[in-house]
């Protein structure tokens, strides 16, 4: 199990999301639990992004939103939730 932290900008987004889209907020917390309960070998199953965001991994929250996070040792930093078009467009 990993230790984790949530970036300050993501915390601010989550406050807004929790008020506007409760389904997306609950999916976010489920995905966080899914990621931190993995071990060091299986966390690499998540895909890395391409340059310039290649230090981050991604997981789809819904069809349109992606959670960006980075793994450093036994710590995970959840960085941002972005729309698919902003990441890949």
PDB file of N, CA and C in Angstrom:
ATOM      1  N   UNK A   1       0.841  -1.185   0.000  1.00  0.00           N
ATOM      2  CA  UNK A   1       0.000   0.000   0.000  1.00  0.00           C
ATOM      3  C   UNK A   1       0.884   1.244   0.000  1.00  0.00           C
ATOM      4  N   UNK A   2       0.509   2.187  -0.818  1.00  0.00           N
ATOM      5  CA  UNK A   2       1.270   3.418  -0.975  1.00  0.00           C
ATOM      6  C   UNK A   2       0.765   4.499  -0.018  1.00  0.00           C
ATOM      7  N   UNK A   3       1.661   5.423   0.308  1.00  0.00           N
ATOM      8  CA  UNK A   3       1.269   6.659   0.966  1.00  0.00           C
ATOM      9  C   UNK A   3       0.946   7.629  -0.158  1.00  0.00           C
ATOM     10  N   UNK A   4       0.054   8.570   0.087  1.00  0.00           N
ATOM     11  CA  UNK A   4      -0.331   9.471  -0.994  1.00  0.00           C
ATOM     12  C   UNK A   4      -0.567  10.879  -0.489  1.00  0.00           C
ATOM     13  N   UNK A   5      -0.554  11.802  -1.439  1.00  0.00           N
ATOM     14  CA  UNK A   5      -0.849  13.200  -1.175  1.00  0.00           C
ATOM     15  C   UNK A   5      -1.619  13.744  -2.364  1.00  0.00           C
ATOM     16  N   UNK A   6      -2.418  14.761  -2.114  1.00  0.00           N
ATOM     17  CA  UNK A   6      -3.198  15.403  -3.165  1.00  0.00           C
ATOM     18  C   UNK A   6      -2.686  16.831  -3.321  1.00  0.00           C
ATOM     19  N   UNK A   7      -2.322  17.186  -4.529  1.00  0.00           N
ATOM     20  CA  UNK A   7      -1.786  18.512  -4.823  1.00  0.00           C
ATOM     21  C   UNK A   7      -2.828  19.581  -4.476  1.00  0.00           C
ATOM     22  N   UNK A   8      -2.365  20.761  -4.090  1.00  0.00           N
ATOM     23  CA  UNK A   8      -3.261  21.839  -3.660  1.00  0.00           C
ATOM     24  C   UNK A   8      -4.242  22.263  -4.742  1.00  0.00           C
ATOM     25  N   UNK A   9      -3.791  22.326  -5.995  1.00  0.00           N
ATOM     26  CA  UNK A   9      -4.705  22.717  -7.070  1.00  0.00           C
ATOM     27  C   UNK A   9      -5.795  21.669  -7.276  1.00  0.00           C
ATOM     28  N   UNK A  10      -5.428  20.408  -7.085  1.00  0.00           N
ATOM     29  CA  UNK A  10      -6.424  19.344  -7.211  1.00  0.00           C
ATOM     30  C   UNK A  10      -7.425  19.410  -6.060  1.00  0.00           C
ATOM     31  N   UNK A  11      -6.963  19.739  -4.867  1.00  0.00           N
ATOM     32  CA  UNK A  11      -7.888  19.899  -3.729  1.00  0.00           C
ATOM     33  C   UNK A  11      -8.928  20.972  -4.018  1.00  0.00           C
ATOM     34  N   UNK A  12      -8.486  22.082  -4.608  1.00  0.00           N
ATOM     35  CA  UNK A  12      -9.416  23.158  -4.945  1.00  0.00           C
ATOM     36  C   UNK A  12     -10.430  22.692  -5.992  1.00  0.00           C
ATOM     37  N   UNK A  13      -9.956  21.946  -7.002  1.00  0.00           N
ATOM     38  CA  UNK A  13     -10.872  21.409  -8.010  1.00  0.00           C
ATOM     39  C   UNK A  13     -11.859  20.435  -7.393  1.00  0.00           C
ATOM     40  N   UNK A  14     -11.380  19.595  -6.460  1.00  0.00           N
ATOM     41  CA  UNK A  14     -12.254  18.606  -5.835  1.00  0.00           C
ATOM     42  C   UNK A  14     -13.360  19.255  -5.021  1.00  0.00           C
ATOM     43  N   UNK A  15     -13.064  20.385  -4.385  1.00  0.00           N
ATOM     44  CA  UNK A  15     -14.103  21.106  -3.652  1.00  0.00           C
ATOM     45  C   UNK A  15     -15.218  21.550  -4.587  1.00  0.00           C
ATOM     46  N   UNK A  16     -14.841  22.064  -5.766  1.00  0.00           N
ATOM     47  CA  UNK A  16     -15.839  22.482  -6.747  1.00  0.00           C
ATOM     48  C   UNK A  16     -16.577  21.282  -7.331  1.00  0.00           C
ATOM     49  N   UNK A  17     -15.830  20.223  -7.645  1.00  0.00           N
ATOM     50  CA  UNK A  17     -16.442  19.029  -8.229  1.00  0.00           C
ATOM     51  C   UNK A  17     -17.427  18.390  -7.270  1.00  0.00           C
ATOM     52  N   UNK A  18     -17.076  18.357  -5.988  1.00  0.00           N
ATOM     53  CA  UNK A  18     -17.953  17.730  -4.991  1.00  0.00           C
ATOM     54  C   UNK A  18     -19.303  18.441  -4.912  1.00  0.00           C
ATOM     55  N   UNK A  19     -19.320  19.737  -5.186  1.00  0.00           N
ATOM     56  CA  UNK A  19     -20.573  20.493  -5.160  1.00  0.00           C
ATOM     57  C   UNK A  19     -21.372  20.327  -6.445  1.00  0.00           C
ATOM     58  N   UNK A  20     -20.663  20.273  -7.581  1.00  0.00           N
ATOM     59  CA  UNK A  20     -21.343  20.254  -8.874  1.00  0.00           C
ATOM     60  C   UNK A  20     -21.626  18.859  -9.404  1.00  0.00           C
ATOM     61  N   UNK A  21     -20.685  17.930  -9.207  1.00  0.00           N
ATOM     62  CA  UNK A  21     -20.787  16.604  -9.814  1.00  0.00           C
ATOM     63  C   UNK A  21     -20.400  15.539  -8.788  1.00  0.00           C
ATOM     64  N   UNK A  22     -21.365  15.147  -7.979  1.00  0.00           N
ATOM     65  CA  UNK A  22     -21.097  14.193  -6.895  1.00  0.00           C
ATOM     66  C   UNK A  22     -20.678  12.821  -7.419  1.00  0.00           C
ATOM     67  N   UNK A  23     -21.150  12.450  -8.591  1.00  0.00           N
ATOM     68  CA  UNK A  23     -20.785  11.165  -9.178  1.00  0.00           C
ATOM     69  C   UNK A  23     -19.300  11.141  -9.528  1.00  0.00           C
ATOM     70  N   UNK A  24     -18.810  12.204 -10.156  1.00  0.00           N
ATOM     71  CA  UNK A  24     -17.394  12.284 -10.507  1.00  0.00           C
ATOM     72  C   UNK A  24     -16.530  12.300  -9.248  1.00  0.00           C
ATOM     73  N   UNK A  25     -16.977  12.993  -8.216  1.00  0.00           N
ATOM     74  CA  UNK A  25     -16.218  13.031  -6.959  1.00  0.00           C
ATOM     75  C   UNK A  25     -16.137  11.646  -6.326  1.00  0.00           C
ATOM     76  N   UNK A  26     -17.223  10.900  -6.336  1.00  0.00           N
ATOM     77  CA  UNK A  26     -17.192   9.554  -5.748  1.00  0.00           C
ATOM     78  C   UNK A  26     -16.321   8.614  -6.584  1.00  0.00           C
ATOM     79  N   UNK A  27     -16.352   8.766  -7.904  1.00  0.00           N
ATOM     80  CA  UNK A  27     -15.485   7.958  -8.764  1.00  0.00           C
ATOM     81  C   UNK A  27     -14.025   8.275  -8.467  1.00  0.00           C
ATOM     82  N   UNK A  28     -13.719   9.563  -8.258  1.00  0.00           N
ATOM     83  CA  UNK A  28     -12.348   9.956  -7.925  1.00  0.00           C
ATOM     84  C   UNK A  28     -11.867   9.236  -6.675  1.00  0.00           C
ATOM     85  N   UNK A  29     -12.659   9.248  -5.611  1.00  0.00           N
ATOM     86  CA  UNK A  29     -12.222   8.625  -4.360  1.00  0.00           C
ATOM     87  C   UNK A  29     -12.094   7.106  -4.488  1.00  0.00           C
ATOM     88  N   UNK A  30     -12.935   6.488  -5.301  1.00  0.00           N
ATOM     89  CA  UNK A  30     -12.802   5.046  -5.545  1.00  0.00           C
ATOM     90  C   UNK A  30     -11.510   4.735  -6.300  1.00  0.00           C
ATOM     91  N   UNK A  31     -11.184   5.564  -7.286  1.00  0.00           N
ATOM     92  CA  UNK A  31      -9.964   5.344  -8.058  1.00  0.00           C
ATOM     93  C   UNK A  31      -8.717   5.576  -7.202  1.00  0.00           C
ATOM     94  N   UNK A  32      -8.771   6.551  -6.304  1.00  0.00           N
ATOM     95  CA  UNK A  32      -7.644   6.784  -5.397  1.00  0.00           C
ATOM     96  C   UNK A  32      -7.411   5.541  -4.556  1.00  0.00           C
ATOM     97  N   UNK A  33      -8.473   4.965  -4.010  1.00  0.00           N
ATOM     98  CA  UNK A  33      -8.330   3.753  -3.214  1.00  0.00           C
ATOM     99  C   UNK A  33      -7.786   2.602  -4.048  1.00  0.00           C
ATOM    100  N   UNK A  34      -8.253   2.491  -5.275  1.00  0.00           N
ATOM    101  CA  UNK A  34      -7.769   1.436  -6.174  1.00  0.00           C
ATOM    102  C   UNK A  34      -6.261   1.578  -6.423  1.00  0.00           C
ATOM    103  N   UNK A  35      -5.810   2.814  -6.647  1.00  0.00           N
ATOM    104  CA  UNK A  35      -4.398   3.043  -6.957  1.00  0.00           C
ATOM    105  C   UNK A  35      -3.514   2.816  -5.748  1.00  0.00           C
ATOM    106  N   UNK A  36      -3.887   3.355  -4.592  1.00  0.00           N
ATOM    107  CA  UNK A  36      -2.999   3.243  -3.427  1.00  0.00           C
ATOM    108  C   UNK A  36      -2.962   1.837  -2.853  1.00  0.00           C
ATOM    109  N   UNK A  37      -3.923   1.003  -3.186  1.00  0.00           N
ATOM    110  CA  UNK A  37      -3.915  -0.374  -2.702  1.00  0.00           C
ATOM    111  C   UNK A  37      -3.104  -1.316  -3.592  1.00  0.00           C
ATOM    112  N   UNK A  38      -2.551  -0.816  -4.660  1.00  0.00           N
ATOM    113  CA  UNK A  38      -1.695  -1.632  -5.526  1.00  0.00           C
ATOM    114  C   UNK A  38      -0.312  -1.759  -4.908  1.00  0.00           C
ATOM    115  N   UNK A  39       0.487  -2.693  -5.448  1.00  0.00           N
ATOM    116  CA  UNK A  39       1.879  -2.777  -5.008  1.00  0.00           C
ATOM    117  C   UNK A  39       2.768  -2.127  -6.071  1.00  0.00           C
ATOM    118  N   UNK A  40       4.066  -2.103  -5.820  1.00  0.00           N
ATOM    119  CA  UNK A  40       4.980  -1.380  -6.698  1.00  0.00           C
ATOM    120  C   UNK A  40       5.050  -1.968  -8.105  1.00  0.00           C
ATOM    121  N   UNK A  41       4.795  -3.238  -8.252  1.00  0.00           N
ATOM    122  CA  UNK A  41       4.837  -3.854  -9.580  1.00  0.00           C
ATOM    123  C   UNK A  41       3.567  -3.572 -10.371  1.00  0.00           C
ATOM    124  N   UNK A  42       2.422  -3.681  -9.721  1.00  0.00           N
ATOM    125  CA  UNK A  42       1.168  -3.534 -10.458  1.00  0.00           C
ATOM    126  C   UNK A  42       0.785  -2.083 -10.703  1.00  0.00           C
ATOM    127  N   UNK A  43       1.383  -1.138  -9.986  1.00  0.00           N
ATOM    128  CA  UNK A  43       1.065   0.269 -10.251  1.00  0.00           C
ATOM    129  C   UNK A  43       1.621   0.692 -11.605  1.00  0.00           C
ATOM    130  N   UNK A  44       2.590  -0.027 -12.131  1.00  0.00           N
ATOM    131  CA  UNK A  44       3.139   0.286 -13.440  1.00  0.00           C
ATOM    132  C   UNK A  44       2.214  -0.112 -14.580  1.00  0.00           C
ATOM    133  N   UNK A  45       1.093  -0.738 -14.268  1.00  0.00           N
ATOM    134  CA  UNK A  45       0.117  -1.080 -15.291  1.00  0.00           C
ATOM    135  C   UNK A  45      -0.574   0.173 -15.833  1.00  0.00           C
ATOM    136  N   UNK A  46      -0.557   1.248 -15.066  1.00  0.00           N
ATOM    137  CA  UNK A  46      -1.157   2.497 -15.537  1.00  0.00           C
ATOM    138  C   UNK A  46      -0.227   3.141 -16.549  1.00  0.00           C
ATOM    139  N   UNK A  47      -0.817   3.681 -17.605  1.00  0.00           N
ATOM    140  CA  UNK A  47      -0.020   4.212 -18.701  1.00  0.00           C
ATOM    141  C   UNK A  47       0.590   5.558 -18.359  1.00  0.00           C
ATOM    142  N   UNK A  48       1.818   5.755 -18.857  1.00  0.00           N
ATOM    143  CA  UNK A  48       2.463   7.055 -18.752  1.00  0.00           C
ATOM    144  C   UNK A  48       1.950   7.940 -19.874  1.00  0.00           C
ATOM    145  N   UNK A  49       1.921   9.229 -19.608  1.00  0.00           N
ATOM    146  CA  UNK A  49       1.552  10.182 -20.638  1.00  0.00           C
ATOM    147  C   UNK A  49       2.764  10.474 -21.520  1.00  0.00           C
ATOM    148  N   UNK A  50       2.504  11.068 -22.658  1.00  0.00           N
ATOM    149  CA  UNK A  50       3.591  11.463 -23.553  1.00  0.00           C
ATOM    150  C   UNK A  50       4.091  12.849 -23.163  1.00  0.00           C
ATOM    151  N   UNK A  51       5.235  13.210 -23.725  1.00  0.00           N
ATOM    152  CA  UNK A  51       5.864  14.492 -23.444  1.00  0.00           C
ATOM    153  C   UNK A  51       4.892  15.622 -23.776  1.00  0.00           C
ATOM    154  N   UNK A  52       4.802  16.665 -23.032  1.00  0.00           N
ATOM    155  CA  UNK A  52       5.601  17.128 -21.904  1.00  0.00           C
ATOM    156  C   UNK A  52       5.099  16.639 -20.544  1.00  0.00           C
ATOM    157  N   UNK A  53       4.095  15.805 -20.519  1.00  0.00           N
ATOM    158  CA  UNK A  53       3.538  15.309 -19.253  1.00  0.00           C
ATOM    159  C   UNK A  53       4.018  13.895 -18.941  1.00  0.00           C
ATOM    160  N   UNK A  54       5.182  13.508 -19.455  1.00  0.00           N
ATOM    161  CA  UNK A  54       5.616  12.119 -19.362  1.00  0.00           C
ATOM    162  C   UNK A  54       6.017  11.683 -17.955  1.00  0.00           C
ATOM    163  N   UNK A  55       6.069  12.583 -16.977  1.00  0.00           N
ATOM    164  CA  UNK A  55       6.370  12.162 -15.611  1.00  0.00           C
ATOM    165  C   UNK A  55       5.123  11.661 -14.878  1.00  0.00           C
ATOM    166  N   UNK A  56       3.959  11.807 -15.530  1.00  0.00           N
ATOM    167  CA  UNK A  56       2.696  11.417 -14.906  1.00  0.00           C
ATOM    168  C   UNK A  56       2.123  10.155 -15.523  1.00  0.00           C
ATOM    169  N   UNK A  57       1.364   9.450 -14.703  1.00  0.00           N
ATOM    170  CA  UNK A  57       0.562   8.328 -15.166  1.00  0.00           C
ATOM    171  C   UNK A  57      -0.882   8.791 -15.220  1.00  0.00           C
ATOM    172  N   UNK A  58      -1.726   8.003 -15.876  1.00  0.00           N
ATOM    173  CA  UNK A  58      -3.123   8.417 -16.017  1.00  0.00           C
ATOM    174  C   UNK A  58      -4.057   7.253 -15.751  1.00  0.00           C
ATOM    175  N   UNK A  59      -5.261   7.609 -15.344  1.00  0.00           N
ATOM    176  CA  UNK A  59      -6.347   6.654 -15.240  1.00  0.00           C
ATOM    177  C   UNK A  59      -7.623   7.401 -15.599  1.00  0.00           C
ATOM    178  N   UNK A  60      -8.483   6.755 -16.353  1.00  0.00           N
ATOM    179  CA  UNK A  60      -9.747   7.375 -16.747  1.00  0.00           C
ATOM    180  C   UNK A  60     -10.727   7.323 -15.579  1.00  0.00           C
ATOM    181  N   UNK A  61     -11.324   8.473 -15.286  1.00  0.00           N
ATOM    182  CA  UNK A  61     -12.374   8.510 -14.275  1.00  0.00           C
ATOM    183  C   UNK A  61     -13.720   8.249 -14.923  1.00  0.00           C
ATOM    184  N   UNK A  62     -13.993   8.962 -15.987  1.00  0.00           N
ATOM    185  CA  UNK A  62     -15.185   8.742 -16.802  1.00  0.00           C
ATOM    186  C   UNK A  62     -14.716   8.728 -18.247  1.00  0.00           C
ATOM    187  N   UNK A  63     -15.629   8.737 -19.156  1.00  0.00           N
ATOM    188  CA  UNK A  63     -15.235   8.776 -20.555  1.00  0.00           C
ATOM    189  C   UNK A  63     -14.502  10.046 -20.936  1.00  0.00           C
ATOM    190  N   UNK A  64     -14.725  11.134 -20.178  1.00  0.00           N
ATOM    191  CA  UNK A  64     -14.170  12.426 -20.556  1.00  0.00           C
ATOM    192  C   UNK A  64     -13.081  12.942 -19.626  1.00  0.00           C
ATOM    193  N   UNK A  65     -12.961  12.419 -18.426  1.00  0.00           N
ATOM    194  CA  UNK A  65     -12.024  12.972 -17.450  1.00  0.00           C
ATOM    195  C   UNK A  65     -10.946  11.969 -17.070  1.00  0.00           C
ATOM    196  N   UNK A  66      -9.733  12.507 -16.873  1.00  0.00           N
ATOM    197  CA  UNK A  66      -8.558  11.695 -16.579  1.00  0.00           C
ATOM    198  C   UNK A  66      -7.910  12.219 -15.308  1.00  0.00           C
ATOM    199  N   UNK A  67      -7.491  11.296 -14.445  1.00  0.00           N
ATOM    200  CA  UNK A  67      -6.761  11.636 -13.231  1.00  0.00           C
ATOM    201  C   UNK A  67      -5.275  11.458 -13.514  1.00  0.00           C
ATOM    202  N   UNK A  68      -4.484  12.506 -13.264  1.00  0.00           N
ATOM    203  CA  UNK A  68      -3.039  12.458 -13.453  1.00  0.00           C
ATOM    204  C   UNK A  68      -2.373  12.270 -12.098  1.00  0.00           C
ATOM    205  N   UNK A  69      -1.401  11.361 -12.041  1.00  0.00           N
ATOM    206  CA  UNK A  69      -0.681  11.136 -10.796  1.00  0.00           C
ATOM    207  C   UNK A  69       0.738  10.704 -11.103  1.00  0.00           C
ATOM    208  N   UNK A  70       1.622  10.863 -10.107  1.00  0.00           N
ATOM    209  CA  UNK A  70       3.005  10.433 -10.266  1.00  0.00           C
ATOM    210  C   UNK A  70       3.363   9.508  -9.113  1.00  0.00           C
ATOM    211  N   UNK A  71       4.262   8.577  -9.396  1.00  0.00           N
ATOM    212  CA  UNK A  71       4.719   7.603  -8.401  1.00  0.00           C
ATOM    213  C   UNK A  71       6.208   7.828  -8.175  1.00  0.00           C
ATOM    214  N   UNK A  72       6.578   8.076  -6.931  1.00  0.00           N
ATOM    215  CA  UNK A  72       7.990   8.250  -6.561  1.00  0.00           C
ATOM    216  C   UNK A  72       8.248   7.374  -5.347  1.00  0.00           C
ATOM    217  N   UNK A  73       8.890   6.242  -5.557  1.00  0.00           N
ATOM    218  CA  UNK A  73       9.146   5.319  -4.452  1.00  0.00           C
ATOM    219  C   UNK A  73       7.851   4.719  -3.950  1.00  0.00           C
ATOM    220  N   UNK A  74       7.552   4.945  -2.667  1.00  0.00           N
ATOM    221  CA  UNK A  74       6.301   4.421  -2.116  1.00  0.00           C
ATOM    222  C   UNK A  74       5.286   5.531  -1.878  1.00  0.00           C
ATOM    223  N   UNK A  75       5.458   6.673  -2.554  1.00  0.00           N
ATOM    224  CA  UNK A  75       4.514   7.789  -2.450  1.00  0.00           C
ATOM    225  C   UNK A  75       3.873   8.061  -3.802  1.00  0.00           C
ATOM    226  N   UNK A  76       2.607   8.399  -3.748  1.00  0.00           N
ATOM    227  CA  UNK A  76       1.864   8.777  -4.947  1.00  0.00           C
ATOM    228  C   UNK A  76       1.361  10.195  -4.742  1.00  0.00           C
ATOM    229  N   UNK A  77       1.577  11.032  -5.747  1.00  0.00           N
ATOM    230  CA  UNK A  77       1.068  12.395  -5.723  1.00  0.00           C
ATOM    231  C   UNK A  77      -0.005  12.508  -6.792  1.00  0.00           C
ATOM    232  N   UNK A  78      -1.229  12.767  -6.360  1.00  0.00           N
ATOM    233  CA  UNK A  78      -2.330  12.993  -7.296  1.00  0.00           C
ATOM    234  C   UNK A  78      -2.289  14.466  -7.679  1.00  0.00           C
ATOM    235  N   UNK A  79      -2.146  14.731  -8.969  1.00  0.00           N
ATOM    236  CA  UNK A  79      -1.806  16.065  -9.440  1.00  0.00           C
ATOM    237  C   UNK A  79      -3.014  16.837  -9.951  1.00  0.00           C
ATOM    238  N   UNK A  80      -3.817  16.227 -10.825  1.00  0.00           N
ATOM    239  CA  UNK A  80      -4.856  17.003 -11.490  1.00  0.00           C
ATOM    240  C   UNK A  80      -5.920  16.086 -12.073  1.00  0.00           C
ATOM    241  N   UNK A  81      -7.090  16.656 -12.263  1.00  0.00           N
ATOM    242  CA  UNK A  81      -8.148  16.037 -13.068  1.00  0.00           C
ATOM    243  C   UNK A  81      -8.320  16.934 -14.278  1.00  0.00           C
ATOM    244  N   UNK A  82      -8.194  16.352 -15.458  1.00  0.00           N
ATOM    245  CA  UNK A  82      -8.315  17.134 -16.688  1.00  0.00           C
ATOM    246  C   UNK A  82      -9.269  16.462 -17.656  1.00  0.00           C
ATOM    247  N   UNK A  83      -9.811  17.284 -18.527  1.00  0.00           N
ATOM    248  CA  UNK A  83     -10.643  16.766 -19.601  1.00  0.00           C
ATOM    249  C   UNK A  83      -9.742  16.073 -20.617  1.00  0.00           C
ATOM    250  N   UNK A  84     -10.253  15.051 -21.229  1.00  0.00           N
ATOM    251  CA  UNK A  84      -9.500  14.256 -22.195  1.00  0.00           C
ATOM    252  C   UNK A  84      -8.905  15.133 -23.294  1.00  0.00           C
ATOM    253  N   UNK A  85      -9.677  16.090 -23.807  1.00  0.00           N
ATOM    254  CA  UNK A  85      -9.208  16.963 -24.893  1.00  0.00           C
ATOM    255  C   UNK A  85      -8.017  17.816 -24.469  1.00  0.00           C
ATOM    256  N   UNK A  86      -7.964  18.207 -23.189  1.00  0.00           N
ATOM    257  CA  UNK A  86      -6.854  19.043 -22.720  1.00  0.00           C
ATOM    258  C   UNK A  86      -5.558  18.238 -22.610  1.00  0.00           C
ATOM    259  N   UNK A  87      -5.675  16.961 -22.352  1.00  0.00           N
ATOM    260  CA  UNK A  87      -4.487  16.124 -22.202  1.00  0.00           C
ATOM    261  C   UNK A  87      -3.999  15.614 -23.551  1.00  0.00           C
ATOM    262  N   UNK A  88      -4.899  15.132 -24.363  1.00  0.00           N
ATOM    263  CA  UNK A  88      -4.522  14.487 -25.610  1.00  0.00           C
ATOM    264  C   UNK A  88      -4.762  15.342 -26.853  1.00  0.00           C
ATOM    265  N   UNK A  89      -5.470  16.447 -26.696  1.00  0.00           N
ATOM    266  CA  UNK A  89      -5.851  17.262 -27.850  1.00  0.00           C
ATOM    267  C   UNK A  89      -4.772  18.068 -28.352  1.00  0.00           C
TER     268      UNK A  89
END
